[in-house]
C-alpha atoms as a PDB file:
ATOM      1  CA  MET A   1      80.994 114.093 110.980  1.00  0.00           C
ATOM      2  CA  PRO A   2      84.311 116.051 109.919  1.00  0.00           C
ATOM      3  CA  ARG A   3      87.674 114.609 109.648  1.00  0.00           C
ATOM      4  CA  SER A   4      90.245 115.474 111.845  1.00  0.00           C
ATOM      5  CA  ILE A   5      92.848 115.952 109.255  1.00  0.00           C
ATOM      6  CA  PRO A   6      97.136 117.321 110.966  1.00  0.00           C
ATOM      7  CA  ARG A   7      97.110 120.881 109.853  1.00  0.00           C
ATOM      8  CA  ASN A   8     101.051 119.713 108.760  1.00  0.00           C
ATOM      9  CA  LEU A   9      98.965 116.551 106.895  1.00  0.00           C
ATOM     10  CA  LEU A  10      97.321 119.258 104.673  1.00  0.00           C
ATOM     11  CA  LEU A  11      99.906 121.876 104.208  1.00  0.00           C
ATOM     12  CA  PHE A  12     102.387 118.618 102.787  1.00  0.00           C
ATOM     13  CA  LEU A  13      99.230 118.014 100.732  1.00  0.00           C
ATOM     14  CA  GLN A  14      99.066 121.973  99.261  1.00  0.00           C
ATOM     15  CA  LYS A  15     102.452 121.667  98.876  1.00  0.00           C
ATOM     16  CA  LEU A  16     102.359 118.490  96.789  1.00  0.00           C
ATOM     17  CA  ASP A  17      99.633 120.290  94.074  1.00  0.00           C
ATOM     18  CA  ASP A  18     101.398 123.480  94.072  1.00  0.00           C
ATOM     19  CA  HIS A  19     104.372 121.796  93.075  1.00  0.00           C
ATOM     20  CA  LEU A  20     102.212 119.940  89.900  1.00  0.00           C
ATOM     21  CA  PRO A  21     102.123 122.042  86.963  1.00  0.00           C
ATOM     22  CA  ALA A  22      98.889 124.033  86.000  1.00  0.00           C
ATOM     23  CA  ASN A  23      96.346 122.202  84.005  1.00  0.00           C
ATOM     24  CA  THR A  24      97.523 118.557  85.354  1.00  0.00           C
ATOM     25  CA  ARG A  25      94.571 116.546  87.438  1.00  0.00           C
ATOM     26  CA  VAL A  26      96.900 113.190  89.296  1.00  0.00           C
ATOM     27  CA  PRO A  27      94.881 110.579  91.022  1.00  0.00           C
ATOM     28  CA  LEU A  28      96.879 109.603  93.841  1.00  0.00           C
ATOM     29  CA  TYR A  29      96.238 106.689  96.101  1.00  0.00           C
ATOM     30  CA  VAL A  30      97.076 106.558  99.882  1.00  0.00           C
ATOM     31  CA  GLY A  31      97.607 103.449 101.829  1.00  0.00           C
ATOM     32  CA  GLY A  32      98.575 103.015 105.061  1.00  0.00           C
ATOM     33  CA  ALA A  33      98.919 105.521 107.996  1.00  0.00           C
ATOM     34  CA  GLY A  34      98.229 108.425 105.911  1.00  0.00           C
ATOM     35  CA  ALA A  35      95.099 106.506 104.520  1.00  0.00           C
ATOM     36  CA  LEU A  36      94.062 106.568 108.097  1.00  0.00           C
ATOM     37  CA  LEU A  37      94.855 110.239 108.910  1.00  0.00           C
ATOM     38  CA  LEU A  38      92.650 111.422 106.041  1.00  0.00           C
ATOM     39  CA  ALA A  39      89.673 109.424 105.780  1.00  0.00           C
ATOM     40  CA  TYR A  40      89.609 107.400 109.074  1.00  0.00           C
ATOM     41  CA  ASP A  41      89.862 109.425 112.110  1.00  0.00           C
ATOM     42  CA  GLY A  42      93.475 108.128 112.454  1.00  0.00           C
ATOM     43  CA  GLN A  43      95.350 108.856 115.330  1.00  0.00           C
ATOM     44  CA  ALA A  44      98.313 107.044 113.609  1.00  0.00           C
ATOM     45  CA  ALA A  45     101.880 109.008 114.378  1.00  0.00           C
ATOM     46  CA  THR A  46     103.866 108.435 110.745  1.00  0.00           C
ATOM     47  CA  GLU A  47     105.949 111.106 108.760  1.00  0.00           C
ATOM     48  CA  ASP A  48     105.606 109.417 105.460  1.00  0.00           C
ATOM     49  CA  VAL A  49     102.824 109.373 103.819  1.00  0.00           C
ATOM     50  CA  ASP A  50     102.371 106.070 101.844  1.00  0.00           C
ATOM     51  CA  PHE A  51     101.490 106.697  97.450  1.00  0.00           C
ATOM     52  CA  ILE A  52     100.579 103.931  96.206  1.00  0.00           C
ATOM     53  CA  GLY A  53     102.278 103.428  92.113  1.00  0.00           C
ATOM     54  CA  GLU A  54     105.633 102.298  90.478  1.00  0.00           C
ATOM     55  CA  ARG A  55     108.472 104.681  90.173  1.00  0.00           C
ATOM     56  CA  THR A  56     108.625 106.670  87.212  1.00  0.00           C
ATOM     57  CA  GLY A  57     106.692 109.915  86.774  1.00  0.00           C
ATOM     58  CA  LEU A  58     104.784 112.514  88.077  1.00  0.00           C
ATOM     59  CA  LEU A  59     105.459 110.775  91.016  1.00  0.00           C
ATOM     60  CA  LEU A  60     108.658 110.016  90.777  1.00  0.00           C
ATOM     61  CA  GLU A  61     108.606 113.535  90.422  1.00  0.00           C
ATOM     62  CA  LEU A  62     106.646 114.547  93.667  1.00  0.00           C
ATOM     63  CA  SER A  63     108.900 111.990  95.774  1.00  0.00           C
ATOM     64  CA  GLU A  64     112.243 113.466  95.087  1.00  0.00           C
ATOM     65  CA  PHE A  65     109.966 117.155  95.194  1.00  0.00           C
ATOM     66  CA  ALA A  66     108.829 115.863  99.154  1.00  0.00           C
ATOM     67  CA  GLY A  67     110.401 112.505  99.913  1.00  0.00           C
ATOM     68  CA  LYS A  68     112.361 111.882 103.352  1.00  0.00           C
ATOM     69  CA  ASP A  69     114.702 114.762 104.445  1.00  0.00           C
ATOM     70  CA  SER A  70     113.501 117.581 101.982  1.00  0.00           C
ATOM     71  CA  GLU A  71     112.452 120.894 102.775  1.00  0.00           C
ATOM     72  CA  VAL A  72     108.846 119.312 102.185  1.00  0.00           C
ATOM     73  CA  HIS A  73     109.902 117.492 105.123  1.00  0.00           C
ATOM     74  CA  ARG A  74     111.549 119.298 106.676  1.00  0.00           C
ATOM     75  CA  LEU A  75     108.227 122.474 106.727  1.00  0.00           C
ATOM     76  CA  THR A  76     105.577 119.614 107.514  1.00  0.00           C
ATOM     77  CA  ASN A  77     107.315 116.696 109.445  1.00  0.00           C
ATOM     78  CA  TYR A  78     106.160 114.069 106.227  1.00  0.00           C
ATOM     79  CA  TYR A  79     107.660 113.470 103.052  1.00  0.00           C
ATOM     80  CA  LEU A  80     106.299 111.164 100.554  1.00  0.00           C
ATOM     81  CA  ASP A  81     107.002 107.720 100.141  1.00  0.00           C
ATOM     82  CA  ILE A  82     105.756 105.901  96.921  1.00  0.00           C
ATOM     83  CA  VAL A  83     104.525 102.009  97.543  1.00  0.00           C
ATOM     84  CA  PRO A  84     105.239  99.413  94.444  1.00  0.00           C
ATOM     85  CA  PRO A  85     101.132  97.924  93.872  1.00  0.00           C
ATOM     86  CA  GLY A  86     102.602  94.159  94.484  1.00  0.00           C
ATOM     87  CA  TRP A  87     104.338  95.102  97.701  1.00  0.00           C
ATOM     88  CA  PHE A  88     101.208  95.089  99.904  1.00  0.00           C
ATOM     89  CA  PRO A  89      98.794  92.536  99.797  1.00  0.00           C
ATOM     90  CA  ASN A  90      95.935  92.681  97.973  1.00  0.00           C
ATOM     91  CA  ALA A  91      92.826  91.465  96.180  1.00  0.00           C
ATOM     92  CA  TRP A  92      92.696  92.881  92.497  1.00  0.00           C
ATOM     93  CA  GLY A  93      90.607  96.048  91.332  1.00  0.00           C
ATOM     94  CA  TRP A  94      92.282  98.387  94.394  1.00  0.00           C
ATOM     95  CA  SER A  95      92.445 101.157  93.152  1.00  0.00           C
ATOM     96  CA  ASP A  96      88.733 100.781  91.549  1.00  0.00           C
ATOM     97  CA  ARG A  97      87.597 100.653  94.676  1.00  0.00           C
ATOM     98  CA  ALA A  98      89.226 103.500  96.501  1.00  0.00           C
ATOM     99  CA  VAL A  99      87.823 106.236  98.661  1.00  0.00           C
ATOM    100  CA  PRO A 100      88.101 110.003  97.084  1.00  0.00           C
ATOM    101  CA  THR A 101      88.946 112.018  99.561  1.00  0.00           C
ATOM    102  CA  PRO A 102      88.150 116.051  98.052  1.00  0.00           C
ATOM    103  CA  ILE A 103      90.579 117.837 100.247  1.00  0.00           C
ATOM    104  CA  PRO A 104      89.591 121.583 100.226  1.00  0.00           C
ATOM    105  CA  GLY A 105      91.897 123.288  98.204  1.00  0.00           C
ATOM    106  CA  LEU A 106      93.931 121.136  96.294  1.00  0.00           C
ATOM    107  CA  SER A 107      93.097 121.705  92.205  1.00  0.00           C
ATOM    108  CA  HIS A 108      95.659 119.121  90.804  1.00  0.00           C
ATOM    109  CA  ILE A 109      95.511 116.123  93.255  1.00  0.00           C
ATOM    110  CA  ASP A 110      92.256 113.653  93.169  1.00  0.00           C
ATOM    111  CA  LEU A 111      93.192 111.961  95.985  1.00  0.00           C
ATOM    112  CA  ARG A 112      92.150 108.653  96.947  1.00  0.00           C
ATOM    113  CA  VAL A 113      92.703 106.304 100.104  1.00  0.00           C
ATOM    114  CA  LEU A 114      92.267 102.602 100.085  1.00  0.00           C
ATOM    115  CA  GLU A 115      88.646 101.588 100.962  1.00  0.00           C
ATOM    116  CA  LEU A 116      88.428 100.382 104.690  1.00  0.00           C
ATOM    117  CA  HIS A 117      88.789  96.632 103.976  1.00  0.00           C
ATOM    118  CA  ASP A 118      91.988  96.562 101.295  1.00  0.00           C
ATOM    119  CA  LEU A 119      93.304  98.824 104.289  1.00  0.00           C
ATOM    120  CA  ILE A 120      92.908  95.853 106.440  1.00  0.00           C
ATOM    121  CA  ILE A 121      94.028  93.738 104.486  1.00  0.00           C
ATOM    122  CA  SER A 122      97.466  95.978 103.569  1.00  0.00           C
ATOM    123  CA  LYS A 123      98.057  96.332 106.626  1.00  0.00           C
ATOM    124  CA  LEU A 124      99.212  91.996 106.560  1.00  0.00           C
ATOM    125  CA  LYS A 125     102.092  91.394 105.583  1.00  0.00           C
ATOM    126  CA  ARG A 126     104.166  93.433 107.923  1.00  0.00           C
ATOM    127  CA  PHE A 127     101.212  93.451 110.638  1.00  0.00           C
ATOM    128  CA  GLY A 128     103.431  94.610 113.660  1.00  0.00           C
ATOM    129  CA  SER A 129     102.317  95.982 116.544  1.00  0.00           C
ATOM    130  CA  GLY A 130     100.838  99.430 115.057  1.00  0.00           C
ATOM    131  CA  ASP A 131     100.003  97.645 112.119  1.00  0.00           C
ATOM    132  CA  ARG A 132      97.671  95.507 115.097  1.00  0.00           C
ATOM    133  CA  GLU A 133      96.270  98.666 116.724  1.00  0.00           C
ATOM    134  CA  ASP A 134      95.200 100.443 113.089  1.00  0.00           C
ATOM    135  CA  ILE A 135      93.340  96.715 112.019  1.00  0.00           C
ATOM    136  CA  ARG A 136      91.599  97.579 115.964  1.00  0.00           C
ATOM    137  CA  ASN A 137      91.024 100.904 114.820  1.00  0.00           C
ATOM    138  CA  LEU A 138      89.440  99.837 111.207  1.00  0.00           C
ATOM    139  CA  CYS A 139      87.754  97.184 112.971  1.00  0.00           C
ATOM    140  CA  ASN A 140      85.628  99.046 115.070  1.00  0.00           C
ATOM    141  CA  ARG A 141      84.493 101.594 112.154  1.00  0.00           C
ATOM    142  CA  SER A 142      81.259 100.688 111.730  1.00  0.00           C
ATOM    143  CA  GLU A 143      80.984 100.224 107.229  1.00  0.00           C
ATOM    144  CA  LEU A 144      83.306  96.869 107.751  1.00  0.00           C
ATOM    145  CA  ASP A 145      81.249  94.260 106.442  1.00  0.00           C
ATOM    146  CA  VAL A 146      83.407  90.743 107.649  1.00  0.00           C
ATOM    147  CA  GLU A 147      82.080  88.904 104.437  1.00  0.00           C
ATOM    148  CA  ILE A 148      83.324  91.289 102.382  1.00  0.00           C
ATOM    149  CA  LEU A 149      87.167  91.399 104.480  1.00  0.00           C
ATOM    150  CA  HIS A 150      87.110  87.567 103.704  1.00  0.00           C
ATOM    151  CA  GLU A 151      86.546  87.505 100.067  1.00  0.00           C
ATOM    152  CA  ARG A 152      88.689  90.720  99.802  1.00  0.00           C
ATOM    153  CA  TYR A 153      91.319  88.371 101.783  1.00  0.00           C
ATOM    154  CA  GLY A 154      90.940  85.131 100.220  1.00  0.00           C
ATOM    155  CA  LYS A 155      90.988  86.941  96.323  1.00  0.00           C
ATOM    156  CA  ALA A 156      94.889  89.185  97.808  1.00  0.00           C
ATOM    157  CA  ARG A 157      96.222  85.561  98.929  1.00  0.00           C
ATOM    158  CA  GLN A 158      96.318  83.869  95.956  1.00  0.00           C
ATOM    159  CA  LEU A 159      98.088  86.337  94.818  1.00  0.00           C
ATOM    160  CA  TYR A 160     101.117  85.125  97.052  1.00  0.00           C
ATOM    161  CA  ASP A 161     103.756  82.166  96.768  1.00  0.00           C
ATOM    162  CA  TYR A 162     103.361  79.885  99.653  1.00  0.00           C
ATOM    163  CA  ASP A 163     105.815  81.270 102.625  1.00  0.00           C
ATOM    164  CA  GLN A 164     103.704  84.577 102.291  1.00  0.00           C
ATOM    165  CA  ARG A 165     100.611  83.263 102.101  1.00  0.00           C
ATOM    166  CA  GLU A 166     101.262  81.154 105.318  1.00  0.00           C
ATOM    167  CA  ARG A 167     102.439  83.761 107.128  1.00  0.00           C
ATOM    168  CA  MET A 168      99.194  86.140 106.366  1.00  0.00           C
ATOM    169  CA  ASP A 169      97.712  83.084 106.419  1.00  0.00           C
ATOM    170  CA  VAL A 170      98.628  83.627 110.159  1.00  0.00           C
ATOM    171  CA  ASN A 171      97.704  87.388 110.957  1.00  0.00           C
ATOM    172  CA  PHE A 172      94.216  87.098 109.080  1.00  0.00           C
ATOM    173  CA  ARG A 173      93.735  84.123 111.879  1.00  0.00           C
ATOM    174  CA  LEU A 174      94.677  86.266 114.443  1.00  0.00           C
ATOM    175  CA  VAL A 175      92.352  89.563 113.819  1.00  0.00           C
ATOM    176  CA  GLU A 176      89.716  87.142 112.828  1.00  0.00           C
ATOM    177  CA  GLU A 177      90.750  84.890 116.650  1.00  0.00           C
ATOM    178  CA  GLU A 178      91.825  88.349 119.125  1.00  0.00           C
ATOM    179  CA  ILE A 179      89.795  91.250 117.232  1.00  0.00           C
ATOM    180  CA  LEU A 180      86.906  90.266 115.456  1.00  0.00           C
ATOM    181  CA  GLY A 181      86.355  87.556 117.774  1.00  0.00           C
ATOM    182  CA  LEU A 182      85.810  84.856 115.330  1.00  0.00           C
ATOM    183  CA  GLU A 183      86.707  81.649 114.904  1.00  0.00           C
ATOM    184  CA  PRO A 184      89.648  81.220 112.553  1.00  0.00           C
ATOM    185  CA  THR A 185      89.656  80.107 109.361  1.00  0.00           C
ATOM    186  CA  GLU A 186      90.942  77.063 107.948  1.00  0.00           C
ATOM    187  CA  PHE A 187      92.537  78.155 104.051  1.00  0.00           C
ATOM    188  CA  THR A 188      93.714  75.606 101.354  1.00  0.00           C
END
């Protein structure tokens, strides 16, 4: 079944691709609502497209070109937002598991979105109503494997301090109980 990606999001990506120097091939990792729209048939209402990486090099240049209030933003209603890798909860190896997401017409961008389980876990930190709805929709996908979700969350939670871990544990238990209909996990 073909993905249904908003036309303006495709235009946004094409503008980024056109801006990159010739003979360049750059991997770009997408999380958040952008990942939902690009790979998981999401219906998220967002303007920011979260690119995961450091504020350096080509990513910084693309952010300046297509960031908030840029000409690209005004044209497409999307803007590039850089999210540092340590900002969102995830288990080591998330970039290796990121799903290649080819978009016809892009010749310089190697687009990859967070893998389903990693995307769910990444939404546990903020856990606003939109994040909960996104998690609910992702948990309804046939690719969801609860054992993988538990394993990845167990690894991701080890990377955070006690206060962050405690808050994310509460959020994870809510996902287990309210969305997945499972007994909440007791973490030690």
